[in-house]
Amino acid sequence: MTEDEVICILREKEDEKEVKEHAGVPREVIDGGWGWCVVAACFLCNMVNDGIGYSFGVVLEPMRADLDVGVGSISLVGSVLTGVTMLTGPLAAAFVNRFGSRKTCIVGSIISSAAIFVSSFSTSFISLLITYGFLLGFGLGF
């Protein structure tokens, strides 16, 4: 088979492919639909991160009553959570560049899960500030 024959066959296959695409035949999905799984996972991650970070007002009163502290003090916990989450961005970017996004996300998930679990046992304002404010903020920032 000569080079010209190979080129001719490849062109015919390309032409057939174009005809099928224009005739309403659906194209083959290149990645097998895996991209939609990634989109769904990203949506769920953002939903959890933003849900925990931005709905602090819902748990503010029960936490205040449970720890018997003022509204200003317990609001500090939510502010520290949001601040640490945002300030962790450059560090998380360095981790992504060095280790990749998958490993960074897994580490952040583990830190966040451990922090929110430990914070559920907090009996003082300081322990809640450290676990829910700093540690959870650090984990959500990843």
C-alpha atoms as a PDB file:
ATOM      1  CA  MET A   1       0.000   0.000   0.000  1.00  0.00           C
ATOM      2  CA  THR A   2       1.447   3.336  -1.002  1.00  0.00           C
ATOM      3  CA  GLU A   3       1.394   6.530   0.973  1.00  0.00           C
ATOM      4  CA  ASP A   4      -1.158   8.071  -1.388  1.00  0.00           C
ATOM      5  CA  GLU A   5      -3.548   5.145  -0.887  1.00  0.00           C
ATOM      6  CA  VAL A   6      -3.284   5.477   2.917  1.00  0.00           C
ATOM      7  CA  ILE A   7      -4.003   9.207   2.724  1.00  0.00           C
ATOM      8  CA  CYS A   8      -6.973   8.512   0.434  1.00  0.00           C
ATOM      9  CA  ILE A   9      -8.409   5.937   2.856  1.00  0.00           C
ATOM     10  CA  LEU A  10      -7.999   8.309   5.822  1.00  0.00           C
ATOM     11  CA  ARG A  11      -9.756  11.094   3.912  1.00  0.00           C
ATOM     12  CA  GLU A  12     -12.633   8.773   3.037  1.00  0.00           C
ATOM     13  CA  LYS A  13     -13.023   7.840   6.712  1.00  0.00           C
ATOM     14  CA  GLU A  14     -13.031  11.509   7.681  1.00  0.00           C
ATOM     15  CA  ASP A  15     -15.661  12.212   5.022  1.00  0.00           C
ATOM     16  CA  GLU A  16     -17.808   9.330   6.319  1.00  0.00           C
ATOM     17  CA  LYS A  17     -17.471  10.702   9.836  1.00  0.00           C
ATOM     18  CA  GLU A  18     -18.582  14.164   8.681  1.00  0.00           C
ATOM     19  CA  VAL A  19     -21.560  12.678   6.842  1.00  0.00           C
ATOM     20  CA  LYS A  20     -22.640  10.758   9.944  1.00  0.00           C
ATOM     21  CA  GLU A  21     -22.319  13.854  12.107  1.00  0.00           C
ATOM     22  CA  HIS A  22     -24.381  15.931   9.708  1.00  0.00           C
ATOM     23  CA  ALA A  23     -26.984  13.220   9.236  1.00  0.00           C
ATOM     24  CA  GLY A  24     -28.002  13.512  12.894  1.00  0.00           C
ATOM     25  CA  VAL A  25     -26.078  10.490  14.085  1.00  0.00           C
ATOM     26  CA  PRO A  26     -24.728  11.276  17.564  1.00  0.00           C
ATOM     27  CA  ARG A  27     -20.992  11.510  17.905  1.00  0.00           C
ATOM     28  CA  GLU A  28     -19.114   9.155  20.157  1.00  0.00           C
ATOM     29  CA  VAL A  29     -18.350  10.644  23.552  1.00  0.00           C
ATOM     30  CA  ILE A  30     -14.588  10.856  23.769  1.00  0.00           C
ATOM     31  CA  ASP A  31     -14.236  10.536  27.541  1.00  0.00           C
ATOM     32  CA  GLY A  32     -17.121   8.131  28.017  1.00  0.00           C
ATOM     33  CA  GLY A  33     -19.106  10.649  30.037  1.00  0.00           C
ATOM     34  CA  TRP A  34     -16.527  10.831  32.843  1.00  0.00           C
ATOM     35  CA  GLY A  35     -16.565  14.635  32.613  1.00  0.00           C
ATOM     36  CA  TRP A  36     -20.126  14.711  33.981  1.00  0.00           C
ATOM     37  CA  CYS A  37     -19.012  12.662  36.996  1.00  0.00           C
ATOM     38  CA  VAL A  38     -16.312  15.249  37.640  1.00  0.00           C
ATOM     39  CA  VAL A  39     -18.860  18.064  37.325  1.00  0.00           C
ATOM     40  CA  ALA A  40     -21.179  16.330  39.819  1.00  0.00           C
ATOM     41  CA  ALA A  41     -18.318  15.752  42.277  1.00  0.00           C
ATOM     42  CA  CYS A  42     -17.235  19.395  42.055  1.00  0.00           C
ATOM     43  CA  PHE A  43     -20.810  20.537  42.606  1.00  0.00           C
ATOM     44  CA  LEU A  44     -21.125  18.380  45.727  1.00  0.00           C
ATOM     45  CA  CYS A  45     -17.769  19.584  47.098  1.00  0.00           C
ATOM     46  CA  ASN A  46     -18.755  23.218  46.613  1.00  0.00           C
ATOM     47  CA  MET A  47     -22.183  22.584  48.093  1.00  0.00           C
ATOM     48  CA  VAL A  48     -20.650  21.123  51.270  1.00  0.00           C
ATOM     49  CA  ASN A  49     -17.929  23.786  51.533  1.00  0.00           C
ATOM     50  CA  ASP A  50     -20.282  26.715  51.034  1.00  0.00           C
ATOM     51  CA  GLY A  51     -23.016  25.072  53.085  1.00  0.00           C
ATOM     52  CA  ILE A  52     -20.779  24.742  56.112  1.00  0.00           C
ATOM     53  CA  GLY A  53     -19.096  28.100  55.698  1.00  0.00           C
ATOM     54  CA  TYR A  54     -22.043  30.320  54.833  1.00  0.00           C
ATOM     55  CA  SER A  55     -24.776  28.794  56.985  1.00  0.00           C
ATOM     56  CA  PHE A  56     -23.045  29.439  60.288  1.00  0.00           C
ATOM     57  CA  GLY A  57     -25.923  31.680  61.342  1.00  0.00           C
ATOM     58  CA  VAL A  58     -28.183  28.641  61.580  1.00  0.00           C
ATOM     59  CA  VAL A  59     -26.026  27.011  64.270  1.00  0.00           C
ATOM     60  CA  LEU A  60     -25.024  30.268  65.980  1.00  0.00           C
ATOM     61  CA  GLU A  61     -27.807  30.359  68.560  1.00  0.00           C
ATOM     62  CA  PRO A  62     -27.613  26.680  69.589  1.00  0.00           C
ATOM     63  CA  MET A  63     -23.827  26.993  69.960  1.00  0.00           C
ATOM     64  CA  ARG A  64     -24.182  30.197  71.961  1.00  0.00           C
ATOM     65  CA  ALA A  65     -26.706  28.634  74.303  1.00  0.00           C
ATOM     66  CA  ASP A  66     -24.701  25.427  74.663  1.00  0.00           C
ATOM     67  CA  LEU A  67     -21.427  27.170  75.505  1.00  0.00           C
ATOM     68  CA  ASP A  68     -23.071  30.039  77.435  1.00  0.00           C
ATOM     69  CA  VAL A  69     -21.126  32.783  75.661  1.00  0.00           C
ATOM     70  CA  GLY A  70     -22.135  36.007  73.939  1.00  0.00           C
ATOM     71  CA  VAL A  71     -23.247  36.380  70.354  1.00  0.00           C
ATOM     72  CA  GLY A  72     -20.103  38.344  69.494  1.00  0.00           C
ATOM     73  CA  SER A  73     -17.833  35.624  70.809  1.00  0.00           C
ATOM     74  CA  ILE A  74     -19.578  32.815  68.978  1.00  0.00           C
ATOM     75  CA  SER A  75     -19.703  34.929  65.805  1.00  0.00           C
ATOM     76  CA  LEU A  76     -15.930  35.101  65.977  1.00  0.00           C
ATOM     77  CA  VAL A  77     -15.841  31.350  65.343  1.00  0.00           C
ATOM     78  CA  GLY A  78     -17.732  31.766  62.059  1.00  0.00           C
ATOM     79  CA  SER A  79     -15.566  34.704  61.056  1.00  0.00           C
ATOM     80  CA  VAL A  80     -12.372  32.774  61.753  1.00  0.00           C
ATOM     81  CA  LEU A  81     -13.770  29.848  59.747  1.00  0.00           C
ATOM     82  CA  THR A  82     -14.393  32.051  56.708  1.00  0.00           C
ATOM     83  CA  GLY A  83     -11.118  33.938  57.071  1.00  0.00           C
ATOM     84  CA  VAL A  84      -8.951  30.844  57.442  1.00  0.00           C
ATOM     85  CA  THR A  85     -10.719  29.197  54.504  1.00  0.00           C
ATOM     86  CA  MET A  86      -9.889  32.153  52.274  1.00  0.00           C
ATOM     87  CA  LEU A  87      -6.342  32.586  53.580  1.00  0.00           C
ATOM     88  CA  THR A  88      -5.567  28.926  52.938  1.00  0.00           C
ATOM     89  CA  GLY A  89      -5.947  29.464  49.192  1.00  0.00           C
ATOM     90  CA  PRO A  90      -2.282  30.186  48.372  1.00  0.00           C
ATOM     91  CA  LEU A  91      -1.141  27.211  50.425  1.00  0.00           C
ATOM     92  CA  ALA A  92      -3.706  24.963  48.743  1.00  0.00           C
ATOM     93  CA  ALA A  93      -2.540  26.205  45.336  1.00  0.00           C
ATOM     94  CA  ALA A  94       1.040  25.254  46.215  1.00  0.00           C
ATOM     95  CA  PHE A  95      -0.157  21.795  47.279  1.00  0.00           C
ATOM     96  CA  VAL A  96      -2.073  21.383  44.011  1.00  0.00           C
ATOM     97  CA  ASN A  97       1.018  22.331  42.014  1.00  0.00           C
ATOM     98  CA  ARG A  98       3.202  19.908  43.971  1.00  0.00           C
ATOM     99  CA  PHE A  99       0.891  16.927  44.645  1.00  0.00           C
ATOM    100  CA  GLY A 100      -2.030  17.355  42.234  1.00  0.00           C
ATOM    101  CA  SER A 101      -5.647  18.287  42.784  1.00  0.00           C
ATOM    102  CA  ARG A 102      -6.869  14.809  43.733  1.00  0.00           C
ATOM    103  CA  LYS A 103      -4.467  14.307  46.639  1.00  0.00           C
ATOM    104  CA  THR A 104      -4.972  17.888  47.826  1.00  0.00           C
ATOM    105  CA  CYS A 105      -8.754  17.470  47.829  1.00  0.00           C
ATOM    106  CA  ILE A 106      -8.495  14.181  49.726  1.00  0.00           C
ATOM    107  CA  VAL A 107      -6.236  15.745  52.379  1.00  0.00           C
ATOM    108  CA  GLY A 108      -8.634  18.679  52.727  1.00  0.00           C
ATOM    109  CA  SER A 109     -11.590  16.315  53.075  1.00  0.00           C
ATOM    110  CA  ILE A 110      -9.858  14.313  55.789  1.00  0.00           C
ATOM    111  CA  ILE A 111      -8.871  17.443  57.720  1.00  0.00           C
ATOM    112  CA  SER A 112     -12.389  18.885  57.393  1.00  0.00           C
ATOM    113  CA  SER A 113     -14.086  15.660  58.438  1.00  0.00           C
ATOM    114  CA  ALA A 114     -11.840  15.236  61.462  1.00  0.00           C
ATOM    115  CA  ALA A 115     -12.250  18.877  62.466  1.00  0.00           C
ATOM    116  CA  ILE A 116     -16.027  18.889  62.291  1.00  0.00           C
ATOM    117  CA  PHE A 117     -16.178  15.570  64.143  1.00  0.00           C
ATOM    118  CA  VAL A 118     -13.896  16.794  66.936  1.00  0.00           C
ATOM    119  CA  SER A 119     -15.699  20.144  67.124  1.00  0.00           C
ATOM    120  CA  SER A 120     -18.947  18.343  67.895  1.00  0.00           C
ATOM    121  CA  PHE A 121     -17.385  17.376  71.237  1.00  0.00           C
ATOM    122  CA  SER A 122     -16.260  20.927  72.099  1.00  0.00           C
ATOM    123  CA  THR A 123     -17.151  21.976  75.607  1.00  0.00           C
ATOM    124  CA  SER A 124     -15.496  25.396  75.619  1.00  0.00           C
ATOM    125  CA  PHE A 125     -15.311  28.413  73.386  1.00  0.00           C
ATOM    126  CA  ILE A 126     -11.555  28.027  72.839  1.00  0.00           C
ATOM    127  CA  SER A 127     -11.838  24.403  71.727  1.00  0.00           C
ATOM    128  CA  LEU A 128     -14.648  25.343  69.333  1.00  0.00           C
ATOM    129  CA  LEU A 129     -12.598  28.233  67.970  1.00  0.00           C
ATOM    130  CA  ILE A 130      -9.615  25.957  67.335  1.00  0.00           C
ATOM    131  CA  THR A 131     -11.507  22.980  65.892  1.00  0.00           C
ATOM    132  CA  TYR A 132     -14.395  24.637  64.043  1.00  0.00           C
ATOM    133  CA  GLY A 133     -12.727  27.948  63.250  1.00  0.00           C
ATOM    134  CA  PHE A 134      -9.102  27.165  62.484  1.00  0.00           C
ATOM    135  CA  LEU A 135      -8.958  23.434  61.653  1.00  0.00           C
ATOM    136  CA  LEU A 136     -12.215  23.271  59.698  1.00  0.00           C
ATOM    137  CA  GLY A 137     -11.319  26.491  57.900  1.00  0.00           C
ATOM    138  CA  PHE A 138      -7.931  25.032  57.006  1.00  0.00           C
ATOM    139  CA  GLY A 139      -9.527  21.830  55.701  1.00  0.00           C
ATOM    140  CA  LEU A 140     -12.201  23.630  53.690  1.00  0.00           C
ATOM    141  CA  GLY A 141      -9.535  25.834  52.155  1.00  0.00           C
ATOM    142  CA  PHE A 142      -7.987  22.811  50.540  1.00  0.00           C
END
